[in-house]
């Protein structure tokens, strides 16, 4: 796949920028959750607010690879690179199917 991406240098830069910024944002959200857990805002059990924010940060980390595949699909479709667009669409479909099946087998919506 590296040879294929070499034909798309703009895609490599876009993916690197999105993943870097996404990592910083997710890290900041997790850090904010840790801070909230230590501050213990009134009205909530001590660590509940912090845990929810940390969970959101972890969810952001999990979504970064999915976002990468989605961006690749969009770029490949725009550039009419059908082979790589099909591969990206297949990977995205597998991720979505796995998520849906995981939620259904767990007995409902997460939360």
Protein backbone atom coordinates (compact mmCIF):
# COMPACT_ATOMS: atom_id res chain seq x y z
CA UNK A 1 0.00 0.00 0.00
CA UNK A 2 2.98 2.29 0.42
CA UNK A 3 3.56 2.40 -3.34
CA UNK A 4 -0.07 3.45 -3.79
CA UNK A 5 0.19 6.22 -1.24
CA UNK A 6 3.37 7.48 -2.93
CA UNK A 7 1.10 8.54 -5.79
CA UNK A 8 -0.87 10.62 -3.28
CA UNK A 9 1.60 12.87 -1.41
CA UNK A 10 -1.17 15.33 -0.50
CA UNK A 11 -3.09 12.47 1.11
CA UNK A 12 -0.08 11.54 3.23
CA UNK A 13 0.24 15.12 4.48
CA UNK A 14 -3.50 15.37 5.18
CA UNK A 15 -3.55 12.08 7.09
CA UNK A 16 -0.47 13.02 9.10
CA UNK A 17 -1.97 16.39 10.03
CA UNK A 18 -5.36 14.91 10.98
CA UNK A 19 -3.82 12.12 13.04
CA UNK A 20 -1.42 14.49 14.81
CA UNK A 21 -4.09 17.06 15.64
CA UNK A 22 -6.57 14.33 16.58
CA UNK A 23 -4.05 12.77 18.94
CA UNK A 24 -3.41 16.11 20.63
CA UNK A 25 -7.14 16.82 20.97
CA UNK A 26 -7.89 13.36 22.37
CA UNK A 27 -4.96 13.66 24.77
CA UNK A 28 -6.22 17.04 25.97
CA UNK A 29 -9.71 15.60 26.55
CA UNK A 30 -8.29 12.69 28.56
CA UNK A 31 -6.13 15.13 30.57
CA UNK A 32 -9.18 17.31 31.23
CA UNK A 33 -11.02 14.22 32.46
CA UNK A 34 -8.18 13.40 34.83
CA UNK A 35 -8.20 16.96 36.09
CA UNK A 36 -11.96 16.84 36.66
CA UNK A 37 -11.59 13.58 38.56
CA UNK A 38 -9.16 15.27 40.94
CA UNK A 39 -11.15 18.51 41.27
CA UNK A 40 -14.38 16.64 42.11
CA UNK A 41 -17.09 19.06 40.98
CA UNK A 42 -20.05 19.33 43.34
CA UNK A 43 -23.30 17.59 42.53
CA UNK A 44 -21.72 14.49 41.04
CA UNK A 45 -20.08 11.47 42.55
CA UNK A 46 -16.34 12.22 42.89
CA UNK A 47 -14.95 10.65 39.76
CA UNK A 48 -18.06 10.38 37.57
CA UNK A 49 -17.61 13.65 35.69
CA UNK A 50 -13.94 12.95 35.08
CA UNK A 51 -14.65 9.39 33.95
CA UNK A 52 -17.18 10.57 31.37
CA UNK A 53 -14.74 13.10 29.94
CA UNK A 54 -11.93 10.53 29.89
CA UNK A 55 -14.25 8.07 28.13
CA UNK A 56 -14.93 10.71 25.49
CA UNK A 57 -11.17 11.17 25.00
CA UNK A 58 -10.66 7.43 24.62
CA UNK A 59 -13.52 7.34 22.11
CA UNK A 60 -11.72 10.05 20.14
CA UNK A 61 -8.56 7.91 20.10
CA UNK A 62 -10.60 4.96 18.82
CA UNK A 63 -12.22 7.08 16.09
CA UNK A 64 -8.91 8.35 14.67
CA UNK A 65 -8.19 5.25 12.53
CA UNK A 66 -11.80 5.23 11.32
CA UNK A 67 -11.44 8.89 10.33
CA UNK A 68 -8.25 8.00 8.49
CA UNK A 69 -10.02 5.35 6.42
CA UNK A 70 -12.91 7.74 5.71
CA UNK A 71 -10.52 10.47 4.55
CA UNK A 72 -8.69 7.99 2.34
CA UNK A 73 -11.99 6.92 0.78
CA UNK A 74 -12.98 10.54 0.07
CA UNK A 75 -9.62 11.40 -1.49
CA UNK A 76 -9.50 8.24 -3.61
CA UNK A 77 -13.05 8.79 -4.88
CA UNK A 78 -12.28 12.42 -5.76
CA UNK A 79 -9.14 11.36 -7.62
CA UNK A 80 -11.04 8.52 -9.34
CA UNK A 81 -8.59 5.94 -8.04
CA UNK A 82 -11.20 3.19 -8.08
CA UNK A 83 -9.02 0.36 -6.82
CA UNK A 84 -7.94 2.15 -3.64
CA UNK A 85 -11.42 3.67 -3.20
CA UNK A 86 -12.90 0.17 -3.26
CA UNK A 87 -10.35 -1.07 -0.72
CA UNK A 88 -11.03 1.88 1.59
CA UNK A 89 -14.80 1.37 1.22
CA UNK A 90 -14.42 -2.32 2.06
CA UNK A 91 -12.34 -1.55 5.16
CA UNK A 92 -14.86 1.07 6.28
CA UNK A 93 -17.74 -1.37 5.71
CA UNK A 94 -15.95 -4.01 7.81
CA UNK A 95 -15.40 -1.49 10.63
CA UNK A 96 -19.07 -0.43 10.55
CA UNK A 97 -20.29 -4.03 10.41
CA UNK A 98 -18.05 -4.99 13.32
CA UNK A 99 -19.31 -2.05 15.35
CA UNK A 100 -22.97 -2.81 14.65
CA UNK A 101 -22.53 -6.50 15.44
CA UNK A 102 -20.61 -5.68 18.61
CA UNK A 103 -23.38 -3.37 19.83
CA UNK A 104 -26.11 -5.89 18.98
CA UNK A 105 -24.30 -8.77 20.66
CA UNK A 106 -23.71 -6.65 23.76
CA UNK A 107 -27.46 -6.21 24.09
CA UNK A 108 -28.12 -2.68 22.96
CA UNK A 109 -26.68 0.76 22.63
CA UNK A 110 -23.52 1.65 24.53
CA UNK A 111 -23.85 3.75 27.59
